[in-house]
C-alpha cells in the first residue's frame, strides 16, 4: 500500500475517533508532546494506559464479585480509571467511569455491574481503534512518509 493511501486511512481513522467521541482534545495535546527527541512518546503513554486499564478492569471485576462489595474500593478503582483514561483523551471510557463512581456512592450494585460491562466495552473499543491508529502511523513511517503535524 502506498503512503498516500496510508495517510488517507490514518486521517479517516483519526477523524472518526474524534467524531464518535471516542477521543477528545487531550489526545491531541498528548500528540503535541511528541517530538524528535521522543518520537515514540504517544505509543509509550498509550501502552501504559493499556497496562493500567487491564489491571484496573481486573481489580474492578474482582471487587464486584466479593460477597460483600466494598463500594469505596470500587469507587477508588473507577476514579483511577477515570484519571488514566482522561490523561490520554479516552473520553467515552472517562464518561462511563464518572457514572460508575456515582453508582458506587449510591452503593447500587446493579448499576456498578452495568457500568463495569459498559467500561469494558468502551475500553475494548478505544484500545482497538488506538492500536489501529498507531499501526497506521508505523506503516506510514516505514513506507517513507511522515505523520501530518498536529494542529
C-alpha atoms as a PDB file:
ATOM      1  CA  UNK A   1       0.000   0.000   0.000  1.00  0.00           C
ATOM      2  CA  UNK A   2       1.400   3.420  -0.862  1.00  0.00           C
ATOM      3  CA  UNK A   3       1.946   6.312   1.537  1.00  0.00           C
ATOM      4  CA  UNK A   4      -0.966   8.350   0.168  1.00  0.00           C
ATOM      5  CA  UNK A   5      -3.438   5.538   0.853  1.00  0.00           C
ATOM      6  CA  UNK A   6      -1.993   5.001   4.320  1.00  0.00           C
ATOM      7  CA  UNK A   7      -2.239   8.710   5.088  1.00  0.00           C
ATOM      8  CA  UNK A   8      -5.846   8.767   3.897  1.00  0.00           C
ATOM      9  CA  UNK A   9      -6.651   5.801   6.166  1.00  0.00           C
ATOM     10  CA  UNK A  10      -4.832   7.479   9.055  1.00  0.00           C
ATOM     11  CA  UNK A  11      -6.743  10.741   8.676  1.00  0.00           C
ATOM     12  CA  UNK A  12     -10.069   8.900   8.305  1.00  0.00           C
ATOM     13  CA  UNK A  13      -9.346   6.786  11.382  1.00  0.00           C
ATOM     14  CA  UNK A  14      -8.343   9.770  13.499  1.00  0.00           C
ATOM     15  CA  UNK A  15     -11.314  11.844  12.324  1.00  0.00           C
ATOM     16  CA  UNK A  16     -13.691   9.006  13.221  1.00  0.00           C
ATOM     17  CA  UNK A  17     -12.187   8.673  16.713  1.00  0.00           C
ATOM     18  CA  UNK A  18     -12.971  12.320  17.419  1.00  0.00           C
ATOM     19  CA  UNK A  19     -16.324  12.453  15.619  1.00  0.00           C
ATOM     20  CA  UNK A  20     -17.607   9.426  17.571  1.00  0.00           C
ATOM     21  CA  UNK A  21     -16.406  10.907  20.868  1.00  0.00           C
ATOM     22  CA  UNK A  22     -14.015   8.028  21.496  1.00  0.00           C
ATOM     23  CA  UNK A  23     -11.155  10.513  21.874  1.00  0.00           C
ATOM     24  CA  UNK A  24     -11.154  14.158  22.902  1.00  0.00           C
ATOM     25  CA  UNK A  25      -8.697  17.034  22.592  1.00  0.00           C
ATOM     26  CA  UNK A  26      -6.485  15.628  25.359  1.00  0.00           C
ATOM     27  CA  UNK A  27      -5.212  13.071  22.834  1.00  0.00           C
ATOM     28  CA  UNK A  28      -4.239  15.922  20.510  1.00  0.00           C
ATOM     29  CA  UNK A  29      -2.385  17.565  23.400  1.00  0.00           C
ATOM     30  CA  UNK A  30      -0.591  14.273  24.044  1.00  0.00           C
ATOM     31  CA  UNK A  31       0.467  14.070  20.393  1.00  0.00           C
ATOM     32  CA  UNK A  32       1.852  17.591  20.571  1.00  0.00           C
ATOM     33  CA  UNK A  33       4.243  16.466  23.326  1.00  0.00           C
ATOM     34  CA  UNK A  34       5.956  14.007  20.995  1.00  0.00           C
ATOM     35  CA  UNK A  35       8.980  15.407  19.186  1.00  0.00           C
ATOM     36  CA  UNK A  36      12.186  14.282  17.509  1.00  0.00           C
ATOM     37  CA  UNK A  37      13.794  13.534  20.872  1.00  0.00           C
ATOM     38  CA  UNK A  38      10.873  11.296  21.896  1.00  0.00           C
ATOM     39  CA  UNK A  39       9.103  10.115  18.738  1.00  0.00           C
ATOM     40  CA  UNK A  40       7.544   7.113  20.483  1.00  0.00           C
ATOM     41  CA  UNK A  41       6.122   9.185  23.349  1.00  0.00           C
ATOM     42  CA  UNK A  42       2.467   8.638  22.401  1.00  0.00           C
ATOM     43  CA  UNK A  43       2.989   4.896  21.895  1.00  0.00           C
ATOM     44  CA  UNK A  44       4.627   4.636  25.323  1.00  0.00           C
ATOM     45  CA  UNK A  45       1.884   6.600  27.099  1.00  0.00           C
ATOM     46  CA  UNK A  46      -0.881   4.676  25.342  1.00  0.00           C
ATOM     47  CA  UNK A  47       0.840   1.364  26.187  1.00  0.00           C
ATOM     48  CA  UNK A  48       0.963   2.386  29.851  1.00  0.00           C
ATOM     49  CA  UNK A  49      -2.730   3.256  29.652  1.00  0.00           C
ATOM     50  CA  UNK A  50      -3.464  -0.211  28.243  1.00  0.00           C
ATOM     51  CA  UNK A  51      -1.449  -1.914  31.005  1.00  0.00           C
ATOM     52  CA  UNK A  52      -3.079   0.154  33.757  1.00  0.00           C
ATOM     53  CA  UNK A  53      -6.531  -0.389  32.281  1.00  0.00           C
ATOM     54  CA  UNK A  54      -6.145  -4.165  32.204  1.00  0.00           C
ATOM     55  CA  UNK A  55      -5.172  -4.142  35.897  1.00  0.00           C
ATOM     56  CA  UNK A  56      -7.995  -1.774  36.831  1.00  0.00           C
ATOM     57  CA  UNK A  57     -10.581  -3.855  34.970  1.00  0.00           C
ATOM     58  CA  UNK A  58      -9.336  -6.957  36.777  1.00  0.00           C
ATOM     59  CA  UNK A  59      -9.484  -5.143  40.135  1.00  0.00           C
ATOM     60  CA  UNK A  60     -12.979  -3.785  39.430  1.00  0.00           C
ATOM     61  CA  UNK A  61     -14.241  -7.209  38.400  1.00  0.00           C
ATOM     62  CA  UNK A  62     -12.777  -8.903  41.485  1.00  0.00           C
ATOM     63  CA  UNK A  63     -14.083  -6.204  43.829  1.00  0.00           C
ATOM     64  CA  UNK A  64     -17.618  -6.512  42.443  1.00  0.00           C
ATOM     65  CA  UNK A  65     -17.532 -10.320  42.753  1.00  0.00           C
ATOM     66  CA  UNK A  66     -16.998 -10.203  46.525  1.00  0.00           C
ATOM     67  CA  UNK A  67     -19.847 -11.436  48.758  1.00  0.00           C
ATOM     68  CA  UNK A  68     -19.784  -8.030  50.469  1.00  0.00           C
ATOM     69  CA  UNK A  69     -18.816  -5.316  48.000  1.00  0.00           C
ATOM     70  CA  UNK A  70     -16.534  -2.562  49.283  1.00  0.00           C
ATOM     71  CA  UNK A  71     -18.043   0.304  47.289  1.00  0.00           C
ATOM     72  CA  UNK A  72     -15.326   2.703  48.415  1.00  0.00           C
ATOM     73  CA  UNK A  73     -12.678   0.419  46.927  1.00  0.00           C
ATOM     74  CA  UNK A  74     -14.697   0.075  43.705  1.00  0.00           C
ATOM     75  CA  UNK A  75     -15.102   3.874  43.586  1.00  0.00           C
ATOM     76  CA  UNK A  76     -11.338   4.290  44.050  1.00  0.00           C
ATOM     77  CA  UNK A  77     -10.631   1.945  41.123  1.00  0.00           C
ATOM     78  CA  UNK A  78     -13.219   3.732  38.965  1.00  0.00           C
ATOM     79  CA  UNK A  79     -11.647   7.076  39.926  1.00  0.00           C
ATOM     80  CA  UNK A  80      -8.183   5.804  38.925  1.00  0.00           C
ATOM     81  CA  UNK A  81      -9.589   4.559  35.633  1.00  0.00           C
ATOM     82  CA  UNK A  82     -11.263   7.919  35.042  1.00  0.00           C
ATOM     83  CA  UNK A  83      -7.966   9.736  35.596  1.00  0.00           C
ATOM     84  CA  UNK A  84      -5.996   7.349  33.427  1.00  0.00           C
ATOM     85  CA  UNK A  85      -8.473   7.495  30.546  1.00  0.00           C
ATOM     86  CA  UNK A  86      -8.772  11.261  30.868  1.00  0.00           C
ATOM     87  CA  UNK A  87      -4.998  11.681  30.604  1.00  0.00           C
ATOM     88  CA  UNK A  88      -4.915  10.147  27.115  1.00  0.00           C
ATOM     89  CA  UNK A  89      -8.245  11.565  25.965  1.00  0.00           C
ATOM     90  CA  UNK A  90     -10.299   8.354  26.079  1.00  0.00           C
ATOM     91  CA  UNK A  91     -13.466  10.378  26.504  1.00  0.00           C
ATOM     92  CA  UNK A  92     -16.120   7.654  26.429  1.00  0.00           C
ATOM     93  CA  UNK A  93     -14.210   5.496  28.945  1.00  0.00           C
ATOM     94  CA  UNK A  94     -13.858   8.542  31.203  1.00  0.00           C
ATOM     95  CA  UNK A  95     -17.585   9.297  30.980  1.00  0.00           C
ATOM     96  CA  UNK A  96     -18.566   5.743  31.965  1.00  0.00           C
ATOM     97  CA  UNK A  97     -16.164   5.943  34.925  1.00  0.00           C
ATOM     98  CA  UNK A  98     -17.922   9.104  36.116  1.00  0.00           C
ATOM     99  CA  UNK A  99     -21.267   7.269  36.100  1.00  0.00           C
ATOM    100  CA  UNK A 100     -19.561   4.256  37.719  1.00  0.00           C
ATOM    101  CA  UNK A 101     -18.449   6.370  40.686  1.00  0.00           C
ATOM    102  CA  UNK A 102     -21.979   7.721  41.106  1.00  0.00           C
ATOM    103  CA  UNK A 103     -23.335   4.183  41.407  1.00  0.00           C
ATOM    104  CA  UNK A 104     -20.602   3.404  43.946  1.00  0.00           C
ATOM    105  CA  UNK A 105     -21.602   6.381  46.077  1.00  0.00           C
ATOM    106  CA  UNK A 106     -25.218   5.155  45.929  1.00  0.00           C
ATOM    107  CA  UNK A 107     -23.975   1.612  46.703  1.00  0.00           C
ATOM    108  CA  UNK A 108     -26.001   0.430  43.709  1.00  0.00           C
ATOM    109  CA  UNK A 109     -24.562  -2.977  42.794  1.00  0.00           C
ATOM    110  CA  UNK A 110     -26.706  -3.430  39.662  1.00  0.00           C
ATOM    111  CA  UNK A 111     -25.638  -0.001  38.410  1.00  0.00           C
ATOM    112  CA  UNK A 112     -21.997  -0.830  39.131  1.00  0.00           C
ATOM    113  CA  UNK A 113     -22.228  -4.149  37.288  1.00  0.00           C
ATOM    114  CA  UNK A 114     -23.808  -2.450  34.259  1.00  0.00           C
ATOM    115  CA  UNK A 115     -21.088   0.201  34.301  1.00  0.00           C
ATOM    116  CA  UNK A 116     -18.419  -2.489  34.522  1.00  0.00           C
ATOM    117  CA  UNK A 117     -19.766  -4.080  31.338  1.00  0.00           C
ATOM    118  CA  UNK A 118     -20.010  -0.701  29.646  1.00  0.00           C
ATOM    119  CA  UNK A 119     -16.489   0.353  30.664  1.00  0.00           C
ATOM    120  CA  UNK A 120     -15.135  -2.986  29.390  1.00  0.00           C
ATOM    121  CA  UNK A 121     -16.891  -2.370  26.081  1.00  0.00           C
ATOM    122  CA  UNK A 122     -15.678   1.233  25.735  1.00  0.00           C
ATOM    123  CA  UNK A 123     -12.148   0.275  26.745  1.00  0.00           C
ATOM    124  CA  UNK A 124     -12.035  -2.561  24.176  1.00  0.00           C
ATOM    125  CA  UNK A 125     -13.272  -0.118  21.537  1.00  0.00           C
ATOM    126  CA  UNK A 126     -10.719   2.603  22.297  1.00  0.00           C
ATOM    127  CA  UNK A 127      -7.936   0.033  22.567  1.00  0.00           C
ATOM    128  CA  UNK A 128      -8.767  -1.479  19.185  1.00  0.00           C
ATOM    129  CA  UNK A 129      -9.075   1.924  17.498  1.00  0.00           C
ATOM    130  CA  UNK A 130      -5.878   3.322  19.054  1.00  0.00           C
ATOM    131  CA  UNK A 131      -3.903   0.206  18.141  1.00  0.00           C
ATOM    132  CA  UNK A 132      -5.136   0.615  14.574  1.00  0.00           C
ATOM    133  CA  UNK A 133      -4.198   4.321  14.512  1.00  0.00           C
ATOM    134  CA  UNK A 134      -0.721   3.658  15.915  1.00  0.00           C
ATOM    135  CA  UNK A 135      -0.197   0.770  13.495  1.00  0.00           C
ATOM    136  CA  UNK A 136      -1.064   3.104  10.601  1.00  0.00           C
ATOM    137  CA  UNK A 137       1.493   5.605  11.925  1.00  0.00           C
ATOM    138  CA  UNK A 138       4.168   2.895  11.919  1.00  0.00           C
ATOM    139  CA  UNK A 139       3.235   1.812   8.392  1.00  0.00           C
ATOM    140  CA  UNK A 140       3.374   5.413   7.137  1.00  0.00           C
ATOM    141  CA  UNK A 141       6.852   5.949   8.591  1.00  0.00           C
ATOM    142  CA  UNK A 142       8.034   2.537   7.341  1.00  0.00           C
ATOM    143  CA  UNK A 143       6.825   3.441   3.842  1.00  0.00           C
ATOM    144  CA  UNK A 144       8.887   6.633   3.943  1.00  0.00           C
ATOM    145  CA  UNK A 145       6.093   9.039   4.788  1.00  0.00           C
ATOM    146  CA  UNK A 146       5.551  11.297   7.748  1.00  0.00           C
ATOM    147  CA  UNK A 147       2.631  11.795  10.094  1.00  0.00           C
ATOM    148  CA  UNK A 148       0.696  15.006   9.468  1.00  0.00           C
ATOM    149  CA  UNK A 149       1.524  17.624  12.112  1.00  0.00           C
ATOM    150  CA  UNK A 150      -0.941  18.011  14.960  1.00  0.00           C
ATOM    151  CA  UNK A 151      -2.888  21.237  14.753  1.00  0.00           C
END
